[in-house]
PDB file of N, CA and C in Angstrom:
ATOM      1  N   UNK A   1      -3.436   9.156 -41.574  1.00  0.00           N
ATOM      2  CA  UNK A   1      -2.443  10.250 -40.826  1.00  0.00           C
ATOM      3  C   UNK A   1      -3.470  10.537 -39.721  1.00  0.00           C
ATOM      4  N   UNK A   2      -4.734  11.556 -39.953  1.00  0.00           N
ATOM      5  CA  UNK A   2      -5.559  11.632 -39.284  1.00  0.00           C
ATOM      6  C   UNK A   2      -5.962  10.927 -37.878  1.00  0.00           C
ATOM      7  N   UNK A   3      -5.898   9.744 -38.519  1.00  0.00           N
ATOM      8  CA  UNK A   3      -6.366   8.654 -37.374  1.00  0.00           C
ATOM      9  C   UNK A   3      -5.465   8.276 -36.298  1.00  0.00           C
ATOM     10  N   UNK A   4      -4.194   8.458 -36.995  1.00  0.00           N
ATOM     11  CA  UNK A   4      -3.128   7.996 -36.325  1.00  0.00           C
ATOM     12  C   UNK A   4      -3.042   9.555 -35.059  1.00  0.00           C
ATOM     13  N   UNK A   5      -2.988  10.647 -35.437  1.00  0.00           N
ATOM     14  CA  UNK A   5      -3.106  11.197 -34.952  1.00  0.00           C
ATOM     15  C   UNK A   5      -3.959  11.310 -33.491  1.00  0.00           C
ATOM     16  N   UNK A   6      -4.986  11.351 -33.630  1.00  0.00           N
ATOM     17  CA  UNK A   6      -6.532  11.188 -33.054  1.00  0.00           C
ATOM     18  C   UNK A   6      -6.246  10.306 -31.978  1.00  0.00           C
ATOM     19  N   UNK A   7      -5.741   8.719 -32.584  1.00  0.00           N
ATOM     20  CA  UNK A   7      -4.851   7.988 -31.033  1.00  0.00           C
ATOM     21  C   UNK A   7      -4.306   8.396 -30.459  1.00  0.00           C
ATOM     22  N   UNK A   8      -3.255   8.883 -31.170  1.00  0.00           N
ATOM     23  CA  UNK A   8      -1.848   9.643 -30.033  1.00  0.00           C
ATOM     24  C   UNK A   8      -2.639  10.270 -29.034  1.00  0.00           C
ATOM     25  N   UNK A   9      -3.435  10.690 -29.771  1.00  0.00           N
ATOM     26  CA  UNK A   9      -4.082  12.518 -28.250  1.00  0.00           C
ATOM     27  C   UNK A   9      -4.767  11.623 -27.524  1.00  0.00           C
ATOM     28  N   UNK A  10      -5.640  10.053 -27.854  1.00  0.00           N
ATOM     29  CA  UNK A  10      -6.555   9.584 -27.330  1.00  0.00           C
ATOM     30  C   UNK A  10      -5.360   9.077 -26.255  1.00  0.00           C
ATOM     31  N   UNK A  11      -4.293   8.166 -26.641  1.00  0.00           N
ATOM     32  CA  UNK A  11      -3.474   7.429 -25.917  1.00  0.00           C
ATOM     33  C   UNK A  11      -2.766   8.589 -24.901  1.00  0.00           C
ATOM     34  N   UNK A  12      -2.814   9.613 -25.075  1.00  0.00           N
ATOM     35  CA  UNK A  12      -1.885  10.621 -24.027  1.00  0.00           C
ATOM     36  C   UNK A  12      -2.788  11.160 -23.171  1.00  0.00           C
ATOM     37  N   UNK A  13      -4.480  11.134 -23.384  1.00  0.00           N
ATOM     38  CA  UNK A  13      -5.225  11.417 -22.098  1.00  0.00           C
ATOM     39  C   UNK A  13      -5.397  10.832 -21.713  1.00  0.00           C
ATOM     40  N   UNK A  14      -5.452   9.148 -21.956  1.00  0.00           N
ATOM     41  CA  UNK A  14      -5.756   7.862 -21.206  1.00  0.00           C
ATOM     42  C   UNK A  14      -4.462   8.066 -20.056  1.00  0.00           C
ATOM     43  N   UNK A  15      -3.081   8.353 -20.584  1.00  0.00           N
ATOM     44  CA  UNK A  15      -1.911   7.968 -20.040  1.00  0.00           C
ATOM     45  C   UNK A  15      -1.897   8.983 -18.507  1.00  0.00           C
ATOM     46  N   UNK A  16      -2.310  10.479 -19.258  1.00  0.00           N
ATOM     47  CA  UNK A  16      -2.050  11.911 -18.612  1.00  0.00           C
ATOM     48  C   UNK A  16      -3.443  11.838 -17.425  1.00  0.00           C
ATOM     49  N   UNK A  17      -4.359  11.084 -17.126  1.00  0.00           N
ATOM     50  CA  UNK A  17      -5.583  11.125 -16.566  1.00  0.00           C
ATOM     51  C   UNK A  17      -5.582   9.984 -15.443  1.00  0.00           C
ATOM     52  N   UNK A  18      -4.307   9.002 -15.839  1.00  0.00           N
ATOM     53  CA  UNK A  18      -4.270   7.772 -14.786  1.00  0.00           C
ATOM     54  C   UNK A  18      -2.909   7.991 -13.872  1.00  0.00           C
ATOM     55  N   UNK A  19      -3.217   7.754 -12.795  1.00  0.00           N
ATOM     56  CA  UNK A  19      -1.785   7.753 -11.857  1.00  0.00           C
ATOM     57  C   UNK A  19      -0.519   7.078 -12.057  1.00  0.00           C
ATOM     58  N   UNK A  20       0.787   7.327 -11.642  1.00  0.00           N
ATOM     59  CA  UNK A  20       1.689   6.075 -11.885  1.00  0.00           C
ATOM     60  C   UNK A  20       0.941   4.972 -10.951  1.00  0.00           C
ATOM     61  N   UNK A  21       0.966   5.512  -9.551  1.00  0.00           N
ATOM     62  CA  UNK A  21       0.782   4.726  -8.374  1.00  0.00           C
ATOM     63  C   UNK A  21      -0.580   3.737  -8.864  1.00  0.00           C
ATOM     64  N   UNK A  22      -1.810   4.529  -9.569  1.00  0.00           N
ATOM     65  CA  UNK A  22      -2.737   3.269  -9.805  1.00  0.00           C
ATOM     66  C   UNK A  22      -2.539   2.688 -10.843  1.00  0.00           C
ATOM     67  N   UNK A  23      -1.631   2.692 -11.111  1.00  0.00           N
ATOM     68  CA  UNK A  23      -1.271   1.618 -12.479  1.00  0.00           C
ATOM     69  C   UNK A  23      -0.291   0.575 -12.543  1.00  0.00           C
ATOM     70  N   UNK A  24       0.996   0.899 -11.058  1.00  0.00           N
ATOM     71  CA  UNK A  24       1.824   0.108 -10.952  1.00  0.00           C
ATOM     72  C   UNK A  24       1.577  -0.228  -9.659  1.00  0.00           C
ATOM     73  N   UNK A  25       0.951   0.488  -8.592  1.00  0.00           N
ATOM     74  CA  UNK A  25       0.515  -0.892  -7.360  1.00  0.00           C
ATOM     75  C   UNK A  25      -0.728  -1.435  -7.569  1.00  0.00           C
ATOM     76  N   UNK A  26      -0.685  -2.278  -6.729  1.00  0.00           N
ATOM     77  CA  UNK A  26      -1.999  -3.306  -6.485  1.00  0.00           C
ATOM     78  C   UNK A  26      -2.997  -2.235  -5.347  1.00  0.00           C
ATOM     79  N   UNK A  27      -4.329  -2.956  -5.597  1.00  0.00           N
ATOM     80  CA  UNK A  27      -4.764  -2.649  -4.019  1.00  0.00           C
ATOM     81  C   UNK A  27      -4.563  -3.000  -2.983  1.00  0.00           C
ATOM     82  N   UNK A  28      -3.730  -4.008  -2.801  1.00  0.00           N
ATOM     83  CA  UNK A  28      -2.931  -4.595  -1.521  1.00  0.00           C
ATOM     84  C   UNK A  28      -1.418  -4.931  -1.737  1.00  0.00           C
ATOM     85  N   UNK A  29      -0.931  -4.668  -0.298  1.00  0.00           N
ATOM     86  CA  UNK A  29       0.409  -4.740   0.083  1.00  0.00           C
ATOM     87  C   UNK A  29       1.095  -5.687   0.328  1.00  0.00           C
ATOM     88  N   UNK A  30       1.979  -6.624   0.112  1.00  0.00           N
ATOM     89  CA  UNK A  30       2.464  -7.511   0.786  1.00  0.00           C
ATOM     90  C   UNK A  30       3.439  -6.986   2.156  1.00  0.00           C
ATOM     91  N   UNK A  31       3.086  -7.359   3.323  1.00  0.00           N
ATOM     92  CA  UNK A  31       3.973  -7.344   4.306  1.00  0.00           C
ATOM     93  C   UNK A  31       4.593  -8.026   4.850  1.00  0.00           C
ATOM     94  N   UNK A  32       5.615  -8.158   5.580  1.00  0.00           N
ATOM     95  CA  UNK A  32       6.089  -9.054   6.427  1.00  0.00           C
ATOM     96  C   UNK A  32       5.998  -9.184   7.619  1.00  0.00           C
ATOM     97  N   UNK A  33       5.247  -9.505   8.368  1.00  0.00           N
ATOM     98  CA  UNK A  33       5.028  -9.253   9.663  1.00  0.00           C
ATOM     99  C   UNK A  33       6.123 -10.417  10.590  1.00  0.00           C
ATOM    100  N   UNK A  34       6.760 -10.136  11.477  1.00  0.00           N
ATOM    101  CA  UNK A  34       7.301 -11.092  11.923  1.00  0.00           C
ATOM    102  C   UNK A  34       7.482 -10.732  13.573  1.00  0.00           C
ATOM    103  N   UNK A  35       7.550 -11.517  14.763  1.00  0.00           N
ATOM    104  CA  UNK A  35       7.804 -11.183  15.887  1.00  0.00           C
ATOM    105  C   UNK A  35       8.893 -10.968  16.312  1.00  0.00           C
ATOM    106  N   UNK A  36       9.298 -10.110  17.224  1.00  0.00           N
ATOM    107  CA  UNK A  36      10.656 -10.090  18.047  1.00  0.00           C
ATOM    108  C   UNK A  36      11.208 -11.259  18.596  1.00  0.00           C
ATOM    109  N   UNK A  37      10.917 -11.828  18.926  1.00  0.00           N
ATOM    110  CA  UNK A  37      11.299 -12.911  19.966  1.00  0.00           C
ATOM    111  C   UNK A  37      11.536 -14.056  18.568  1.00  0.00           C
ATOM    112  N   UNK A  38      10.949 -14.126  17.745  1.00  0.00           N
ATOM    113  CA  UNK A  38      11.159 -15.829  16.025  1.00  0.00           C
ATOM    114  C   UNK A  38      10.117 -16.133  16.640  1.00  0.00           C
ATOM    115  N   UNK A  39       9.280 -16.193  17.790  1.00  0.00           N
ATOM    116  CA  UNK A  39       8.265 -17.383  17.962  1.00  0.00           C
ATOM    117  C   UNK A  39       6.724 -16.421  17.146  1.00  0.00           C
ATOM    118  N   UNK A  40       5.891 -17.911  17.130  1.00  0.00           N
ATOM    119  CA  UNK A  40       4.757 -17.432  15.824  1.00  0.00           C
ATOM    120  C   UNK A  40       3.805 -16.829  17.273  1.00  0.00           C
ATOM    121  N   UNK A  41       2.752 -16.209  16.659  1.00  0.00           N
ATOM    122  CA  UNK A  41       2.171 -15.533  17.155  1.00  0.00           C
ATOM    123  C   UNK A  41       0.433 -15.681  15.883  1.00  0.00           C
ATOM    124  N   UNK A  42      -0.589 -14.922  16.925  1.00  0.00           N
ATOM    125  CA  UNK A  42      -1.682 -14.479  16.250  1.00  0.00           C
ATOM    126  C   UNK A  42      -2.125 -13.125  15.961  1.00  0.00           C
ATOM    127  N   UNK A  43      -2.513 -12.850  15.115  1.00  0.00           N
ATOM    128  CA  UNK A  43      -2.807 -11.379  15.356  1.00  0.00           C
ATOM    129  C   UNK A  43      -4.154 -11.342  14.065  1.00  0.00           C
ATOM    130  N   UNK A  44      -4.332 -10.030  13.545  1.00  0.00           N
ATOM    131  CA  UNK A  44      -5.681  -9.418  13.024  1.00  0.00           C
ATOM    132  C   UNK A  44      -5.424  -8.381  12.477  1.00  0.00           C
ATOM    133  N   UNK A  45      -5.203  -7.769  11.313  1.00  0.00           N
ATOM    134  CA  UNK A  45      -5.150  -6.563  10.573  1.00  0.00           C
ATOM    135  C   UNK A  45      -6.707  -5.789   9.882  1.00  0.00           C
ATOM    136  N   UNK A  46      -7.453  -5.041  10.399  1.00  0.00           N
ATOM    137  CA  UNK A  46      -8.938  -4.610   9.759  1.00  0.00           C
ATOM    138  C   UNK A  46      -9.334  -5.672  10.021  1.00  0.00           C
ATOM    139  N   UNK A  47      -9.527  -6.485  11.425  1.00  0.00           N
ATOM    140  CA  UNK A  47     -10.684  -7.940  11.632  1.00  0.00           C
ATOM    141  C   UNK A  47     -10.047  -8.907  10.620  1.00  0.00           C
ATOM    142  N   UNK A  48      -8.839  -9.006   9.889  1.00  0.00           N
ATOM    143  CA  UNK A  48      -8.646 -10.138   9.054  1.00  0.00           C
ATOM    144  C   UNK A  48      -7.406 -10.851   9.587  1.00  0.00           C
ATOM    145  N   UNK A  49      -7.782 -11.900  10.379  1.00  0.00           N
ATOM    146  CA  UNK A  49      -6.500 -12.771  11.317  1.00  0.00           C
ATOM    147  C   UNK A  49      -5.607 -13.459  10.298  1.00  0.00           C
ATOM    148  N   UNK A  50      -4.436 -13.751  11.407  1.00  0.00           N
ATOM    149  CA  UNK A  50      -3.565 -14.151  10.362  1.00  0.00           C
ATOM    150  C   UNK A  50      -2.374 -14.985  11.752  1.00  0.00           C
ATOM    151  N   UNK A  51      -1.615 -15.834  10.624  1.00  0.00           N
ATOM    152  CA  UNK A  51      -0.782 -16.321  11.714  1.00  0.00           C
ATOM    153  C   UNK A  51       0.731 -15.985  11.407  1.00  0.00           C
ATOM    154  N   UNK A  52       1.464 -15.123  12.312  1.00  0.00           N
ATOM    155  CA  UNK A  52       2.930 -14.827  12.226  1.00  0.00           C
ATOM    156  C   UNK A  52       3.733 -15.716  12.790  1.00  0.00           C
ATOM    157  N   UNK A  53       5.333 -15.319  12.402  1.00  0.00           N
ATOM    158  CA  UNK A  53       5.482 -14.582  10.964  1.00  0.00           C
ATOM    159  C   UNK A  53       5.238 -14.666  10.114  1.00  0.00           C
ATOM    160  N   UNK A  54       5.013 -14.286   9.003  1.00  0.00           N
ATOM    161  CA  UNK A  54       4.407 -14.165   7.847  1.00  0.00           C
ATOM    162  C   UNK A  54       4.162 -13.491   6.981  1.00  0.00           C
ATOM    163  N   UNK A  55       4.089 -13.580   6.038  1.00  0.00           N
ATOM    164  CA  UNK A  55       3.297 -12.729   4.587  1.00  0.00           C
ATOM    165  C   UNK A  55       2.032 -11.876   4.971  1.00  0.00           C
ATOM    166  N   UNK A  56       1.910 -10.717   5.076  1.00  0.00           N
ATOM    167  CA  UNK A  56      -0.152 -10.505   4.917  1.00  0.00           C
ATOM    168  C   UNK A  56       0.189  -9.696   4.145  1.00  0.00           C
ATOM    169  N   UNK A  57      -0.932  -9.915   3.408  1.00  0.00           N
ATOM    170  CA  UNK A  57      -1.428  -8.675   2.335  1.00  0.00           C
ATOM    171  C   UNK A  57      -2.894  -7.822   3.054  1.00  0.00           C
ATOM    172  N   UNK A  58      -2.082  -6.794   2.653  1.00  0.00           N
ATOM    173  CA  UNK A  58      -3.320  -5.420   3.301  1.00  0.00           C
ATOM    174  C   UNK A  58      -3.176  -4.556   2.441  1.00  0.00           C
ATOM    175  N   UNK A  59      -4.514  -3.919   2.547  1.00  0.00           N
ATOM    176  CA  UNK A  59      -5.079  -3.087   1.491  1.00  0.00           C
ATOM    177  C   UNK A  59      -4.557  -2.046   1.651  1.00  0.00           C
ATOM    178  N   UNK A  60      -4.239  -1.114   0.990  1.00  0.00           N
ATOM    179  CA  UNK A  60      -3.713   0.459   1.075  1.00  0.00           C
ATOM    180  C   UNK A  60      -4.877   1.223   0.932  1.00  0.00           C
ATOM    181  N   UNK A  61      -4.414   2.053   2.182  1.00  0.00           N
ATOM    182  CA  UNK A  61      -5.389   2.839   2.195  1.00  0.00           C
ATOM    183  C   UNK A  61      -4.684   4.584   2.973  1.00  0.00           C
ATOM    184  N   UNK A  62      -5.165   5.651   3.109  1.00  0.00           N
ATOM    185  CA  UNK A  62      -4.780   6.607   3.307  1.00  0.00           C
ATOM    186  C   UNK A  62      -5.489   6.997   5.012  1.00  0.00           C
ATOM    187  N   UNK A  63      -4.453   5.776   6.002  1.00  0.00           N
ATOM    188  CA  UNK A  63      -4.925   5.844   7.414  1.00  0.00           C
ATOM    189  C   UNK A  63      -3.866   4.747   8.045  1.00  0.00           C
ATOM    190  N   UNK A  64      -3.609   4.914   9.045  1.00  0.00           N
ATOM    191  CA  UNK A  64      -2.597   4.123   9.972  1.00  0.00           C
ATOM    192  C   UNK A  64      -3.277   2.733  10.291  1.00  0.00           C
ATOM    193  N   UNK A  65      -2.397   1.836  10.007  1.00  0.00           N
ATOM    194  CA  UNK A  65      -3.855   0.746  10.524  1.00  0.00           C
ATOM    195  C   UNK A  65      -2.614  -0.188  11.757  1.00  0.00           C
ATOM    196  N   UNK A  66      -3.268  -0.764  12.459  1.00  0.00           N
ATOM    197  CA  UNK A  66      -3.006  -1.266  13.753  1.00  0.00           C
ATOM    198  C   UNK A  66      -3.040  -2.931  13.450  1.00  0.00           C
ATOM    199  N   UNK A  67      -2.069  -3.950  14.384  1.00  0.00           N
ATOM    200  CA  UNK A  67      -2.112  -5.301  14.692  1.00  0.00           C
ATOM    201  C   UNK A  67      -2.526  -5.257  15.601  1.00  0.00           C
ATOM    202  N   UNK A  68      -3.434  -5.915  15.644  1.00  0.00           N
ATOM    203  CA  UNK A  68      -3.944  -6.471  17.211  1.00  0.00           C
ATOM    204  C   UNK A  68      -3.551  -8.004  17.521  1.00  0.00           C
ATOM    205  N   UNK A  69      -3.067  -7.983  18.171  1.00  0.00           N
ATOM    206  CA  UNK A  69      -2.486  -9.626  18.905  1.00  0.00           C
ATOM    207  C   UNK A  69      -3.215 -10.441  19.603  1.00  0.00           C
ATOM    208  N   UNK A  70      -3.328 -11.537  19.533  1.00  0.00           N
ATOM    209  CA  UNK A  70      -3.843 -12.363  20.394  1.00  0.00           C
ATOM    210  C   UNK A  70      -3.357 -13.059  21.251  1.00  0.00           C
ATOM    211  N   UNK A  71      -2.322 -13.093  21.087  1.00  0.00           N
ATOM    212  CA  UNK A  71      -1.128 -13.984  21.752  1.00  0.00           C
ATOM    213  C   UNK A  71      -0.485 -13.165  23.456  1.00  0.00           C
ATOM    214  N   UNK A  72      -0.586 -13.870  23.834  1.00  0.00           N
ATOM    215  CA  UNK A  72      -0.179 -13.250  25.189  1.00  0.00           C
ATOM    216  C   UNK A  72       0.896 -12.908  25.689  1.00  0.00           C
ATOM    217  N   UNK A  73       2.073 -13.404  25.377  1.00  0.00           N
ATOM    218  CA  UNK A  73       3.567 -12.919  25.009  1.00  0.00           C
ATOM    219  C   UNK A  73       3.769 -11.571  24.308  1.00  0.00           C
ATOM    220  N   UNK A  74       2.986 -11.390  23.519  1.00  0.00           N
ATOM    221  CA  UNK A  74       3.047 -10.381  22.369  1.00  0.00           C
ATOM    222  C   UNK A  74       2.060  -8.635  22.640  1.00  0.00           C
ATOM    223  N   UNK A  75       2.508  -7.685  22.656  1.00  0.00           N
ATOM    224  CA  UNK A  75       2.117  -6.546  22.251  1.00  0.00           C
ATOM    225  C   UNK A  75       0.383  -6.802  21.949  1.00  0.00           C
ATOM    226  N   UNK A  76      -0.260  -5.923  22.533  1.00  0.00           N
ATOM    227  CA  UNK A  76      -1.814  -5.925  22.010  1.00  0.00           C
ATOM    228  C   UNK A  76      -1.778  -5.535  20.686  1.00  0.00           C
ATOM    229  N   UNK A  77      -1.478  -4.553  20.677  1.00  0.00           N
ATOM    230  CA  UNK A  77      -1.406  -3.499  19.192  1.00  0.00           C
ATOM    231  C   UNK A  77      -0.212  -3.021  19.064  1.00  0.00           C
ATOM    232  N   UNK A  78      -0.049  -2.784  17.482  1.00  0.00           N
ATOM    233  CA  UNK A  78       1.200  -2.447  17.406  1.00  0.00           C
ATOM    234  C   UNK A  78       0.977  -1.415  15.786  1.00  0.00           C
ATOM    235  N   UNK A  79       1.348  -0.324  15.787  1.00  0.00           N
ATOM    236  CA  UNK A  79       1.092   0.746  14.825  1.00  0.00           C
ATOM    237  C   UNK A  79       1.568   0.255  13.454  1.00  0.00           C
ATOM    238  N   UNK A  80       1.235   0.472  12.427  1.00  0.00           N
ATOM    239  CA  UNK A  80       1.461   0.430  10.793  1.00  0.00           C
ATOM    240  C   UNK A  80       1.508   1.550  10.425  1.00  0.00           C
ATOM    241  N   UNK A  81       3.156   2.618  10.623  1.00  0.00           N
ATOM    242  CA  UNK A  81       2.417   3.650   9.491  1.00  0.00           C
ATOM    243  C   UNK A  81       2.395   3.617   8.246  1.00  0.00           C
ATOM    244  N   UNK A  82       1.429   4.313   7.677  1.00  0.00           N
ATOM    245  CA  UNK A  82       1.709   4.674   6.122  1.00  0.00           C
ATOM    246  C   UNK A  82       2.563   5.873   6.055  1.00  0.00           C
ATOM    247  N   UNK A  83       3.031   5.722   4.797  1.00  0.00           N
ATOM    248  CA  UNK A  83       3.830   6.845   3.921  1.00  0.00           C
ATOM    249  C   UNK A  83       3.453   6.835   2.711  1.00  0.00           C
ATOM    250  N   UNK A  84       3.990   8.007   1.976  1.00  0.00           N
ATOM    251  CA  UNK A  84       3.680   8.250   0.339  1.00  0.00           C
ATOM    252  C   UNK A  84       4.990   7.392  -0.601  1.00  0.00           C
ATOM    253  N   UNK A  85       3.911   6.542  -1.249  1.00  0.00           N
ATOM    254  CA  UNK A  85       4.945   5.332  -1.949  1.00  0.00           C
ATOM    255  C   UNK A  85       5.795   6.554  -3.044  1.00  0.00           C
ATOM    256  N   UNK A  86       7.197   6.124  -3.312  1.00  0.00           N
ATOM    257  CA  UNK A  86       7.710   7.041  -4.311  1.00  0.00           C
ATOM    258  C   UNK A  86       7.466   7.251  -5.920  1.00  0.00           C
ATOM    259  N   UNK A  87       6.968   6.383  -5.551  1.00  0.00           N
ATOM    260  CA  UNK A  87       6.016   6.182  -7.860  1.00  0.00           C
ATOM    261  C   UNK A  87       5.197   7.051  -7.587  1.00  0.00           C
ATOM    262  N   UNK A  88       4.527   7.819  -6.600  1.00  0.00           N
ATOM    263  CA  UNK A  88       3.375   8.547  -6.324  1.00  0.00           C
ATOM    264  C   UNK A  88       4.489  10.547  -6.932  1.00  0.00           C
ATOM    265  N   UNK A  89       5.752  10.041  -6.472  1.00  0.00           N
ATOM    266  CA  UNK A  89       6.151  11.403  -7.294  1.00  0.00           C
ATOM    267  C   UNK A  89       6.604  11.482  -8.361  1.00  0.00           C
ATOM    268  N   UNK A  90       7.172  10.612  -8.736  1.00  0.00           N
ATOM    269  CA  UNK A  90       7.373  10.253 -10.725  1.00  0.00           C
ATOM    270  C   UNK A  90       6.378  10.487 -11.289  1.00  0.00           C
ATOM    271  N   UNK A  91       4.859  10.366 -10.676  1.00  0.00           N
ATOM    272  CA  UNK A  91       3.752  10.755 -11.149  1.00  0.00           C
ATOM    273  C   UNK A  91       3.697  12.535 -11.524  1.00  0.00           C
ATOM    274  N   UNK A  92       3.964  13.058  -9.876  1.00  0.00           N
ATOM    275  CA  UNK A  92       4.001  14.249 -10.095  1.00  0.00           C
ATOM    276  C   UNK A  92       4.546  14.815 -10.769  1.00  0.00           C
ATOM    277  N   UNK A  93       5.601  14.570 -11.330  1.00  0.00           N
ATOM    278  CA  UNK A  93       6.570  15.462 -12.701  1.00  0.00           C
ATOM    279  C   UNK A  93       5.694  15.063 -13.517  1.00  0.00           C
ATOM    280  N   UNK A  94       5.604  13.957 -13.696  1.00  0.00           N
ATOM    281  CA  UNK A  94       4.942  13.655 -15.506  1.00  0.00           C
ATOM    282  C   UNK A  94       3.951  13.664 -15.258  1.00  0.00           C
ATOM    283  N   UNK A  95       3.036  13.572 -14.686  1.00  0.00           N
ATOM    284  CA  UNK A  95       1.181  13.222 -14.963  1.00  0.00           C
ATOM    285  C   UNK A  95       0.974  14.423 -14.429  1.00  0.00           C
ATOM    286  N   UNK A  96       1.418  15.496 -13.460  1.00  0.00           N
ATOM    287  CA  UNK A  96       0.402  16.456 -12.934  1.00  0.00           C
ATOM    288  C   UNK A  96      -0.568  16.642 -12.385  1.00  0.00           C
ATOM    289  N   UNK A  97      -1.337  16.854 -11.777  1.00  0.00           N
ATOM    290  CA  UNK A  97      -2.166  17.058 -10.999  1.00  0.00           C
ATOM    291  C   UNK A  97      -3.263  15.662 -11.202  1.00  0.00           C
ATOM    292  N   UNK A  98      -3.749  15.675 -12.779  1.00  0.00           N
ATOM    293  CA  UNK A  98      -4.996  14.918 -12.610  1.00  0.00           C
ATOM    294  C   UNK A  98      -4.235  13.552 -12.279  1.00  0.00           C
ATOM    295  N   UNK A  99      -3.221  13.320 -12.623  1.00  0.00           N
ATOM    296  CA  UNK A  99      -2.577  12.088 -12.080  1.00  0.00           C
ATOM    297  C   UNK A  99      -2.148  11.531 -10.992  1.00  0.00           C
ATOM    298  N   UNK A 100      -1.826  12.643 -10.104  1.00  0.00           N
ATOM    299  CA  UNK A 100      -1.579  12.481  -8.514  1.00  0.00           C
ATOM    300  C   UNK A 100      -3.036  12.636  -8.119  1.00  0.00           C
ATOM    301  N   UNK A 101      -3.706  13.527  -8.504  1.00  0.00           N
ATOM    302  CA  UNK A 101      -5.254  13.461  -7.885  1.00  0.00           C
ATOM    303  C   UNK A 101      -6.169  11.856  -8.019  1.00  0.00           C
ATOM    304  N   UNK A 102      -5.557  10.903  -9.285  1.00  0.00           N
ATOM    305  CA  UNK A 102      -6.213   9.980  -9.171  1.00  0.00           C
ATOM    306  C   UNK A 102      -5.746   8.617  -8.309  1.00  0.00           C
ATOM    307  N   UNK A 103      -4.519   9.032  -8.273  1.00  0.00           N
ATOM    308  CA  UNK A 103      -3.424   8.070  -6.935  1.00  0.00           C
ATOM    309  C   UNK A 103      -4.157   8.546  -5.398  1.00  0.00           C
ATOM    310  N   UNK A 104      -4.320   9.586  -5.050  1.00  0.00           N
ATOM    311  CA  UNK A 104      -4.972  10.075  -4.025  1.00  0.00           C
ATOM    312  C   UNK A 104      -6.330   9.398  -3.866  1.00  0.00           C
ATOM    313  N   UNK A 105      -7.216   9.280  -4.709  1.00  0.00           N
ATOM    314  CA  UNK A 105      -8.368   9.100  -5.243  1.00  0.00           C
ATOM    315  C   UNK A 105      -8.383   7.655  -4.893  1.00  0.00           C
ATOM    316  N   UNK A 106      -7.716   6.667  -5.453  1.00  0.00           N
ATOM    317  CA  UNK A 106      -7.338   5.534  -5.338  1.00  0.00           C
ATOM    318  C   UNK A 106      -6.910   4.770  -4.048  1.00  0.00           C
ATOM    319  N   UNK A 107      -6.343   5.814  -3.859  1.00  0.00           N
ATOM    320  CA  UNK A 107      -5.600   5.312  -2.037  1.00  0.00           C
ATOM    321  C   UNK A 107      -3.946   4.441  -2.336  1.00  0.00           C
ATOM    322  N   UNK A 108      -3.654   4.352  -3.833  1.00  0.00           N
ATOM    323  CA  UNK A 108      -2.468   3.449  -3.977  1.00  0.00           C
ATOM    324  C   UNK A 108      -1.552   4.258  -4.083  1.00  0.00           C
ATOM    325  N   UNK A 109      -1.201   5.636  -3.414  1.00  0.00           N
ATOM    326  CA  UNK A 109      -0.261   6.543  -3.130  1.00  0.00           C
ATOM    327  C   UNK A 109       0.390   6.125  -1.947  1.00  0.00           C
ATOM    328  N   UNK A 110      -0.276   5.191  -1.379  1.00  0.00           N
ATOM    329  CA  UNK A 110       0.063   4.918   0.075  1.00  0.00           C
ATOM    330  C   UNK A 110       0.643   3.683  -0.141  1.00  0.00           C
ATOM    331  N   UNK A 111       1.897   3.687   0.880  1.00  0.00           N
ATOM    332  CA  UNK A 111       2.413   2.183   1.283  1.00  0.00           C
ATOM    333  C   UNK A 111       2.637   2.035   3.036  1.00  0.00           C
ATOM    334  N   UNK A 112       2.930   0.571   3.240  1.00  0.00           N
ATOM    335  CA  UNK A 112       3.347   0.462   4.615  1.00  0.00           C
ATOM    336  C   UNK A 112       4.747   0.186   4.560  1.00  0.00           C
ATOM    337  N   UNK A 113       5.534   0.110   5.757  1.00  0.00           N
ATOM    338  CA  UNK A 113       6.796  -0.638   5.896  1.00  0.00           C
ATOM    339  C   UNK A 113       6.798  -1.925   5.189  1.00  0.00           C
ATOM    340  N   UNK A 114       8.073  -2.241   4.753  1.00  0.00           N
ATOM    341  CA  UNK A 114       7.968  -3.849   3.941  1.00  0.00           C
ATOM    342  C   UNK A 114       7.826  -5.126   5.291  1.00  0.00           C
ATOM    343  N   UNK A 115       8.361  -4.160   6.428  1.00  0.00           N
ATOM    344  CA  UNK A 115       8.502  -5.198   7.481  1.00  0.00           C
ATOM    345  C   UNK A 115       7.844  -4.358   8.796  1.00  0.00           C
ATOM    346  N   UNK A 116       7.211  -5.107   9.559  1.00  0.00           N
ATOM    347  CA  UNK A 116       6.647  -5.122  10.973  1.00  0.00           C
ATOM    348  C   UNK A 116       7.331  -5.872  12.023  1.00  0.00           C
ATOM    349  N   UNK A 117       7.517  -5.566  12.915  1.00  0.00           N
ATOM    350  CA  UNK A 117       8.157  -6.255  14.190  1.00  0.00           C
ATOM    351  C   UNK A 117       6.693  -6.358  15.189  1.00  0.00           C
ATOM    352  N   UNK A 118       6.242  -7.248  15.858  1.00  0.00           N
ATOM    353  CA  UNK A 118       5.382  -7.002  17.130  1.00  0.00           C
ATOM    354  C   UNK A 118       6.320  -7.332  17.961  1.00  0.00           C
ATOM    355  N   UNK A 119       6.067  -6.842  18.816  1.00  0.00           N
ATOM    356  CA  UNK A 119       6.976  -7.061  20.560  1.00  0.00           C
ATOM    357  C   UNK A 119       6.394  -7.964  20.601  1.00  0.00           C
ATOM    358  N   UNK A 120       7.481  -9.229  21.269  1.00  0.00           N
ATOM    359  CA  UNK A 120       6.951 -10.452  22.201  1.00  0.00           C
ATOM    360  C   UNK A 120       8.286 -10.416  22.916  1.00  0.00           C
ATOM    361  N   UNK A 121       7.337 -11.222  24.543  1.00  0.00           N
ATOM    362  CA  UNK A 121       8.880 -11.590  24.982  1.00  0.00           C
ATOM    363  C   UNK A 121       8.955 -13.100  25.065  1.00  0.00           C
TER     364      UNK A 121
END
């Protein structure tokens, strides 16, 4: 009985010290990057090159990211705005300060739009 009680307390401490977004979200997010004209283009995010349109893996971070396009007919830069993932708010209600600070520290509480459109002529 005493052993079960101690295990329950230890499990509760682990859950309360962990953030929901830190548990549920990966370090990276899959984003659909498309062009406004539907044509292929080349670009990079954080210096990592990719070919669009397509799915691009982006590391979650507490900052706005910029898509830099190398294709002449496309905008040279497209801003990817960050927002707080709704999973984070579940953690605020259930996990309190410990969980939410964990989510903030791991930067897994942030998300980018699921689809980003690069303006091309």
